[in-house]
PDB file of N, CA and C in Angstrom:
ATOM      1  N   UNK A   1      31.660 -11.581 -23.859  1.00  0.00           N
ATOM      2  CA  UNK A   1      32.285 -12.832 -24.505  1.00  0.00           C
ATOM      3  C   UNK A   1      32.004 -14.053 -23.793  1.00  0.00           C
ATOM      4  N   UNK A   2      31.939 -14.122 -22.474  1.00  0.00           N
ATOM      5  CA  UNK A   2      31.639 -15.228 -21.598  1.00  0.00           C
ATOM      6  C   UNK A   2      30.179 -15.732 -21.947  1.00  0.00           C
ATOM      7  N   UNK A   3      29.238 -14.826 -22.109  1.00  0.00           N
ATOM      8  CA  UNK A   3      27.875 -15.244 -22.511  1.00  0.00           C
ATOM      9  C   UNK A   3      27.733 -15.819 -23.804  1.00  0.00           C
ATOM     10  N   UNK A   4      28.451 -15.108 -24.827  1.00  0.00           N
ATOM     11  CA  UNK A   4      28.595 -15.563 -26.239  1.00  0.00           C
ATOM     12  C   UNK A   4      29.130 -17.117 -26.146  1.00  0.00           C
ATOM     13  N   UNK A   5      30.199 -17.326 -25.549  1.00  0.00           N
ATOM     14  CA  UNK A   5      30.898 -18.631 -25.503  1.00  0.00           C
ATOM     15  C   UNK A   5      30.002 -19.648 -24.939  1.00  0.00           C
ATOM     16  N   UNK A   6      29.236 -19.259 -23.882  1.00  0.00           N
ATOM     17  CA  UNK A   6      28.471 -20.198 -23.174  1.00  0.00           C
ATOM     18  C   UNK A   6      27.288 -20.646 -23.982  1.00  0.00           C
ATOM     19  N   UNK A   7      26.820 -19.687 -24.697  1.00  0.00           N
ATOM     20  CA  UNK A   7      25.671 -19.972 -25.667  1.00  0.00           C
ATOM     21  C   UNK A   7      26.156 -21.010 -26.729  1.00  0.00           C
ATOM     22  N   UNK A   8      27.342 -20.736 -27.165  1.00  0.00           N
ATOM     23  CA  UNK A   8      27.862 -21.629 -28.209  1.00  0.00           C
ATOM     24  C   UNK A   8      28.084 -23.021 -27.595  1.00  0.00           C
ATOM     25  N   UNK A   9      28.521 -23.117 -26.271  1.00  0.00           N
ATOM     26  CA  UNK A   9      28.891 -24.380 -25.837  1.00  0.00           C
ATOM     27  C   UNK A   9      27.611 -25.171 -25.434  1.00  0.00           C
ATOM     28  N   UNK A  10      26.617 -24.462 -24.787  1.00  0.00           N
ATOM     29  CA  UNK A  10      25.322 -25.169 -24.535  1.00  0.00           C
ATOM     30  C   UNK A  10      24.327 -25.340 -25.645  1.00  0.00           C
ATOM     31  N   UNK A  11      24.115 -24.244 -26.417  1.00  0.00           N
ATOM     32  CA  UNK A  11      23.140 -24.344 -27.379  1.00  0.00           C
ATOM     33  C   UNK A  11      23.669 -23.743 -28.714  1.00  0.00           C
ATOM     34  N   UNK A  12      24.542 -24.461 -29.433  1.00  0.00           N
ATOM     35  CA  UNK A  12      25.071 -24.055 -30.678  1.00  0.00           C
ATOM     36  C   UNK A  12      24.039 -23.692 -31.852  1.00  0.00           C
ATOM     37  N   UNK A  13      22.893 -24.288 -31.631  1.00  0.00           N
ATOM     38  CA  UNK A  13      21.693 -24.035 -32.572  1.00  0.00           C
ATOM     39  C   UNK A  13      21.292 -22.736 -32.460  1.00  0.00           C
ATOM     40  N   UNK A  14      21.577 -21.859 -31.327  1.00  0.00           N
ATOM     41  CA  UNK A  14      21.049 -20.607 -31.197  1.00  0.00           C
ATOM     42  C   UNK A  14      21.961 -19.563 -31.698  1.00  0.00           C
ATOM     43  N   UNK A  15      23.181 -19.875 -32.064  1.00  0.00           N
ATOM     44  CA  UNK A  15      24.133 -18.918 -32.688  1.00  0.00           C
ATOM     45  C   UNK A  15      23.494 -18.260 -33.908  1.00  0.00           C
ATOM     46  N   UNK A  16      22.936 -18.934 -34.869  1.00  0.00           N
ATOM     47  CA  UNK A  16      22.373 -18.053 -35.959  1.00  0.00           C
ATOM     48  C   UNK A  16      21.216 -17.185 -35.565  1.00  0.00           C
ATOM     49  N   UNK A  17      20.429 -17.670 -34.554  1.00  0.00           N
ATOM     50  CA  UNK A  17      19.379 -16.787 -34.150  1.00  0.00           C
ATOM     51  C   UNK A  17      19.871 -15.497 -33.408  1.00  0.00           C
ATOM     52  N   UNK A  18      20.902 -15.575 -32.629  1.00  0.00           N
ATOM     53  CA  UNK A  18      21.507 -14.415 -32.070  1.00  0.00           C
ATOM     54  C   UNK A  18      22.212 -13.582 -33.042  1.00  0.00           C
ATOM     55  N   UNK A  19      22.820 -14.055 -34.257  1.00  0.00           N
ATOM     56  CA  UNK A  19      23.310 -13.299 -35.270  1.00  0.00           C
ATOM     57  C   UNK A  19      22.372 -12.759 -36.261  1.00  0.00           C
ATOM     58  N   UNK A  20      21.091 -13.205 -36.149  1.00  0.00           N
ATOM     59  CA  UNK A  20      20.081 -12.570 -37.011  1.00  0.00           C
ATOM     60  C   UNK A  20      19.620 -11.279 -36.353  1.00  0.00           C
ATOM     61  N   UNK A  21      18.922 -10.441 -37.375  1.00  0.00           N
ATOM     62  CA  UNK A  21      18.425  -9.116 -36.879  1.00  0.00           C
ATOM     63  C   UNK A  21      17.268  -9.362 -35.848  1.00  0.00           C
ATOM     64  N   UNK A  22      17.282  -8.480 -34.842  1.00  0.00           N
ATOM     65  CA  UNK A  22      16.188  -8.488 -33.833  1.00  0.00           C
ATOM     66  C   UNK A  22      15.706  -7.065 -33.846  1.00  0.00           C
ATOM     67  N   UNK A  23      14.380  -6.957 -33.574  1.00  0.00           N
ATOM     68  CA  UNK A  23      13.772  -5.635 -33.513  1.00  0.00           C
ATOM     69  C   UNK A  23      14.080  -4.931 -32.153  1.00  0.00           C
ATOM     70  N   UNK A  24      14.428  -3.703 -32.190  1.00  0.00           N
ATOM     71  CA  UNK A  24      14.676  -2.885 -31.090  1.00  0.00           C
ATOM     72  C   UNK A  24      13.882  -1.522 -31.012  1.00  0.00           C
ATOM     73  N   UNK A  25      13.281  -1.144 -29.998  1.00  0.00           N
ATOM     74  CA  UNK A  25      12.480   0.006 -29.916  1.00  0.00           C
ATOM     75  C   UNK A  25      13.433   1.233 -29.691  1.00  0.00           C
ATOM     76  N   UNK A  26      13.092   2.259 -30.516  1.00  0.00           N
ATOM     77  CA  UNK A  26      13.944   3.490 -30.394  1.00  0.00           C
ATOM     78  C   UNK A  26      13.493   4.290 -29.124  1.00  0.00           C
ATOM     79  N   UNK A  27      12.479   3.935 -28.424  1.00  0.00           N
ATOM     80  CA  UNK A  27      12.103   4.691 -27.215  1.00  0.00           C
ATOM     81  C   UNK A  27      11.977   6.124 -27.425  1.00  0.00           C
ATOM     82  N   UNK A  28      11.041   6.547 -28.324  1.00  0.00           N
ATOM     83  CA  UNK A  28      10.705   7.971 -28.736  1.00  0.00           C
ATOM     84  C   UNK A  28      11.992   8.712 -29.144  1.00  0.00           C
ATOM     85  N   UNK A  29      13.074   8.116 -29.589  1.00  0.00           N
ATOM     86  CA  UNK A  29      14.145   8.862 -30.204  1.00  0.00           C
ATOM     87  C   UNK A  29      14.212   8.362 -31.641  1.00  0.00           C
ATOM     88  N   UNK A  30      13.171   8.851 -32.354  1.00  0.00           N
ATOM     89  CA  UNK A  30      12.940   8.379 -33.724  1.00  0.00           C
ATOM     90  C   UNK A  30      13.535   9.581 -34.756  1.00  0.00           C
ATOM     91  N   UNK A  31      14.541   9.186 -35.624  1.00  0.00           N
ATOM     92  CA  UNK A  31      15.072  10.230 -36.532  1.00  0.00           C
ATOM     93  C   UNK A  31      14.035  10.355 -37.579  1.00  0.00           C
ATOM     94  N   UNK A  32      14.008  11.614 -38.178  1.00  0.00           N
ATOM     95  CA  UNK A  32      12.989  11.908 -39.216  1.00  0.00           C
ATOM     96  C   UNK A  32      13.139  10.892 -40.394  1.00  0.00           C
ATOM     97  N   UNK A  33      11.973  10.436 -40.738  1.00  0.00           N
ATOM     98  CA  UNK A  33      11.942   9.462 -41.827  1.00  0.00           C
ATOM     99  C   UNK A  33      12.160   7.959 -41.457  1.00  0.00           C
ATOM    100  N   UNK A  34      12.383   7.661 -40.264  1.00  0.00           N
ATOM    101  CA  UNK A  34      12.718   6.391 -39.735  1.00  0.00           C
ATOM    102  C   UNK A  34      11.425   5.786 -38.939  1.00  0.00           C
ATOM    103  N   UNK A  35      11.490   4.451 -38.892  1.00  0.00           N
ATOM    104  CA  UNK A  35      10.465   3.818 -38.039  1.00  0.00           C
ATOM    105  C   UNK A  35      10.778   3.935 -36.547  1.00  0.00           C
ATOM    106  N   UNK A  36       9.780   3.706 -35.672  1.00  0.00           N
ATOM    107  CA  UNK A  36      10.064   3.754 -34.332  1.00  0.00           C
ATOM    108  C   UNK A  36      10.922   2.624 -33.763  1.00  0.00           C
ATOM    109  N   UNK A  37      11.339   1.736 -34.596  1.00  0.00           N
ATOM    110  CA  UNK A  37      12.185   0.602 -34.198  1.00  0.00           C
ATOM    111  C   UNK A  37      13.287   0.286 -35.272  1.00  0.00           C
ATOM    112  N   UNK A  38      14.140  -0.401 -34.940  1.00  0.00           N
ATOM    113  CA  UNK A  38      15.295  -0.733 -35.857  1.00  0.00           C
ATOM    114  C   UNK A  38      15.656  -2.161 -35.665  1.00  0.00           C
ATOM    115  N   UNK A  39      16.391  -2.755 -36.626  1.00  0.00           N
ATOM    116  CA  UNK A  39      16.814  -4.158 -36.468  1.00  0.00           C
ATOM    117  C   UNK A  39      18.255  -4.239 -36.325  1.00  0.00           C
ATOM    118  N   UNK A  40      18.822  -5.105 -35.364  1.00  0.00           N
ATOM    119  CA  UNK A  40      20.273  -5.241 -35.173  1.00  0.00           C
ATOM    120  C   UNK A  40      20.374  -6.611 -34.526  1.00  0.00           C
ATOM    121  N   UNK A  41      21.473  -7.307 -34.907  1.00  0.00           N
ATOM    122  CA  UNK A  41      21.772  -8.605 -34.362  1.00  0.00           C
ATOM    123  C   UNK A  41      22.230  -8.442 -32.880  1.00  0.00           C
ATOM    124  N   UNK A  42      21.964  -9.538 -32.074  1.00  0.00           N
ATOM    125  CA  UNK A  42      22.426  -9.537 -30.684  1.00  0.00           C
ATOM    126  C   UNK A  42      23.888  -9.696 -30.672  1.00  0.00           C
ATOM    127  N   UNK A  43      24.481 -10.547 -31.571  1.00  0.00           N
ATOM    128  CA  UNK A  43      25.956 -10.640 -31.748  1.00  0.00           C
ATOM    129  C   UNK A  43      26.322 -10.330 -33.139  1.00  0.00           C
ATOM    130  N   UNK A  44      27.195  -9.423 -33.293  1.00  0.00           N
ATOM    131  CA  UNK A  44      27.751  -9.052 -34.507  1.00  0.00           C
ATOM    132  C   UNK A  44      29.126  -9.579 -34.753  1.00  0.00           C
ATOM    133  N   UNK A  45      29.393 -10.178 -35.762  1.00  0.00           N
ATOM    134  CA  UNK A  45      30.748 -10.734 -36.098  1.00  0.00           C
ATOM    135  C   UNK A  45      31.364  -9.874 -37.209  1.00  0.00           C
ATOM    136  N   UNK A  46      32.500  -9.302 -36.858  1.00  0.00           N
ATOM    137  CA  UNK A  46      33.179  -8.459 -37.665  1.00  0.00           C
ATOM    138  C   UNK A  46      34.673  -9.062 -37.932  1.00  0.00           C
ATOM    139  N   UNK A  47      35.095  -8.953 -39.193  1.00  0.00           N
ATOM    140  CA  UNK A  47      36.517  -9.491 -39.413  1.00  0.00           C
ATOM    141  C   UNK A  47      37.630  -8.668 -38.775  1.00  0.00           C
ATOM    142  N   UNK A  48      37.281  -7.514 -38.323  1.00  0.00           N
ATOM    143  CA  UNK A  48      38.333  -6.664 -37.795  1.00  0.00           C
ATOM    144  C   UNK A  48      38.452  -6.973 -36.326  1.00  0.00           C
ATOM    145  N   UNK A  49      37.542  -7.740 -35.657  1.00  0.00           N
ATOM    146  CA  UNK A  49      37.688  -8.056 -34.369  1.00  0.00           C
ATOM    147  C   UNK A  49      37.655  -9.582 -34.048  1.00  0.00           C
ATOM    148  N   UNK A  50      38.498 -10.085 -33.166  1.00  0.00           N
ATOM    149  CA  UNK A  50      38.541 -11.447 -32.848  1.00  0.00           C
ATOM    150  C   UNK A  50      37.265 -11.794 -32.110  1.00  0.00           C
ATOM    151  N   UNK A  51      36.701 -10.910 -31.291  1.00  0.00           N
ATOM    152  CA  UNK A  51      35.509 -11.310 -30.525  1.00  0.00           C
ATOM    153  C   UNK A  51      34.300 -10.615 -31.069  1.00  0.00           C
ATOM    154  N   UNK A  52      33.092 -11.270 -30.874  1.00  0.00           N
ATOM    155  CA  UNK A  52      31.905 -10.653 -31.366  1.00  0.00           C
ATOM    156  C   UNK A  52      31.513  -9.396 -30.470  1.00  0.00           C
ATOM    157  N   UNK A  53      30.862  -8.527 -31.184  1.00  0.00           N
ATOM    158  CA  UNK A  53      30.344  -7.380 -30.452  1.00  0.00           C
ATOM    159  C   UNK A  53      28.847  -7.607 -30.068  1.00  0.00           C
ATOM    160  N   UNK A  54      28.350  -7.245 -28.878  1.00  0.00           N
ATOM    161  CA  UNK A  54      27.175  -7.603 -28.464  1.00  0.00           C
ATOM    162  C   UNK A  54      26.275  -6.261 -28.127  1.00  0.00           C
ATOM    163  N   UNK A  55      24.977  -6.507 -28.620  1.00  0.00           N
ATOM    164  CA  UNK A  55      24.111  -5.346 -28.335  1.00  0.00           C
ATOM    165  C   UNK A  55      22.711  -5.982 -27.946  1.00  0.00           C
ATOM    166  N   UNK A  56      22.440  -5.829 -26.598  1.00  0.00           N
ATOM    167  CA  UNK A  56      21.178  -6.438 -26.140  1.00  0.00           C
ATOM    168  C   UNK A  56      20.630  -5.554 -24.885  1.00  0.00           C
ATOM    169  N   UNK A  57      19.474  -5.176 -25.087  1.00  0.00           N
ATOM    170  CA  UNK A  57      18.731  -4.561 -23.903  1.00  0.00           C
ATOM    171  C   UNK A  57      17.398  -5.135 -24.088  1.00  0.00           C
ATOM    172  N   UNK A  58      17.215  -6.070 -23.130  1.00  0.00           N
ATOM    173  CA  UNK A  58      15.887  -6.838 -23.105  1.00  0.00           C
ATOM    174  C   UNK A  58      14.673  -5.976 -23.095  1.00  0.00           C
ATOM    175  N   UNK A  59      14.812  -4.841 -22.341  1.00  0.00           N
ATOM    176  CA  UNK A  59      13.655  -3.975 -22.291  1.00  0.00           C
ATOM    177  C   UNK A  59      13.419  -3.386 -23.648  1.00  0.00           C
ATOM    178  N   UNK A  60      14.288  -3.030 -24.405  1.00  0.00           N
ATOM    179  CA  UNK A  60      14.067  -2.456 -25.804  1.00  0.00           C
ATOM    180  C   UNK A  60      13.461  -3.491 -26.700  1.00  0.00           C
ATOM    181  N   UNK A  61      13.845  -4.812 -26.576  1.00  0.00           N
ATOM    182  CA  UNK A  61      13.296  -5.855 -27.337  1.00  0.00           C
ATOM    183  C   UNK A  61      11.844  -6.042 -26.971  1.00  0.00           C
ATOM    184  N   UNK A  62      11.536  -6.215 -25.706  1.00  0.00           N
ATOM    185  CA  UNK A  62      10.186  -6.533 -25.260  1.00  0.00           C
ATOM    186  C   UNK A  62       9.335  -5.258 -25.469  1.00  0.00           C
ATOM    187  N   UNK A  63       9.845  -4.219 -25.328  1.00  0.00           N
ATOM    188  CA  UNK A  63       8.968  -2.933 -25.521  1.00  0.00           C
ATOM    189  C   UNK A  63       8.529  -2.881 -26.967  1.00  0.00           C
ATOM    190  N   UNK A  64       9.573  -3.268 -27.884  1.00  0.00           N
ATOM    191  CA  UNK A  64       9.166  -3.176 -29.260  1.00  0.00           C
ATOM    192  C   UNK A  64       8.106  -4.215 -29.712  1.00  0.00           C
ATOM    193  N   UNK A  65       8.157  -5.430 -29.271  1.00  0.00           N
ATOM    194  CA  UNK A  65       7.342  -6.273 -29.551  1.00  0.00           C
ATOM    195  C   UNK A  65       5.867  -6.251 -28.794  1.00  0.00           C
ATOM    196  N   UNK A  66       5.964  -5.448 -27.797  1.00  0.00           N
ATOM    197  CA  UNK A  66       4.672  -5.289 -27.088  1.00  0.00           C
ATOM    198  C   UNK A  66       3.880  -3.990 -27.634  1.00  0.00           C
ATOM    199  N   UNK A  67       4.538  -3.155 -28.280  1.00  0.00           N
ATOM    200  CA  UNK A  67       3.747  -2.025 -28.681  1.00  0.00           C
ATOM    201  C   UNK A  67       3.863  -1.467 -30.110  1.00  0.00           C
ATOM    202  N   UNK A  68       4.690  -2.348 -30.852  1.00  0.00           N
ATOM    203  CA  UNK A  68       4.806  -1.894 -32.319  1.00  0.00           C
ATOM    204  C   UNK A  68       4.453  -3.108 -33.266  1.00  0.00           C
ATOM    205  N   UNK A  69       4.091  -2.771 -34.468  1.00  0.00           N
ATOM    206  CA  UNK A  69       3.801  -3.851 -35.433  1.00  0.00           C
ATOM    207  C   UNK A  69       4.948  -4.524 -36.081  1.00  0.00           C
ATOM    208  N   UNK A  70       5.591  -5.258 -35.325  1.00  0.00           N
ATOM    209  CA  UNK A  70       6.721  -6.045 -35.813  1.00  0.00           C
ATOM    210  C   UNK A  70       6.542  -7.621 -35.706  1.00  0.00           C
ATOM    211  N   UNK A  71       7.315  -8.382 -36.414  1.00  0.00           N
ATOM    212  CA  UNK A  71       7.144  -9.778 -36.369  1.00  0.00           C
ATOM    213  C   UNK A  71       7.372 -10.328 -34.973  1.00  0.00           C
ATOM    214  N   UNK A  72       6.630 -11.302 -34.541  1.00  0.00           N
ATOM    215  CA  UNK A  72       6.753 -11.830 -33.161  1.00  0.00           C
ATOM    216  C   UNK A  72       8.079 -12.547 -32.919  1.00  0.00           C
ATOM    217  N   UNK A  73       8.423 -12.657 -31.748  1.00  0.00           N
ATOM    218  CA  UNK A  73       9.815 -13.344 -31.371  1.00  0.00           C
ATOM    219  C   UNK A  73       9.686 -14.782 -31.858  1.00  0.00           C
TER     220      UNK A  73
END
């Protein structure tokens, strides 16, 4: 929550970017019929929670963009 709030305080223009889908590498755990990557926002906003949920593993993001045919950052 602190990171989220600090981003909003310092760079409110990044809030939509962090809420948009990012490509994540599945790291060889690919379900049948799925791509070796998936998309998920860094910050998810749900009506059931007062705080945003966060999902970020920089290694998964960088790995995906370095090795798979996804849109560049």
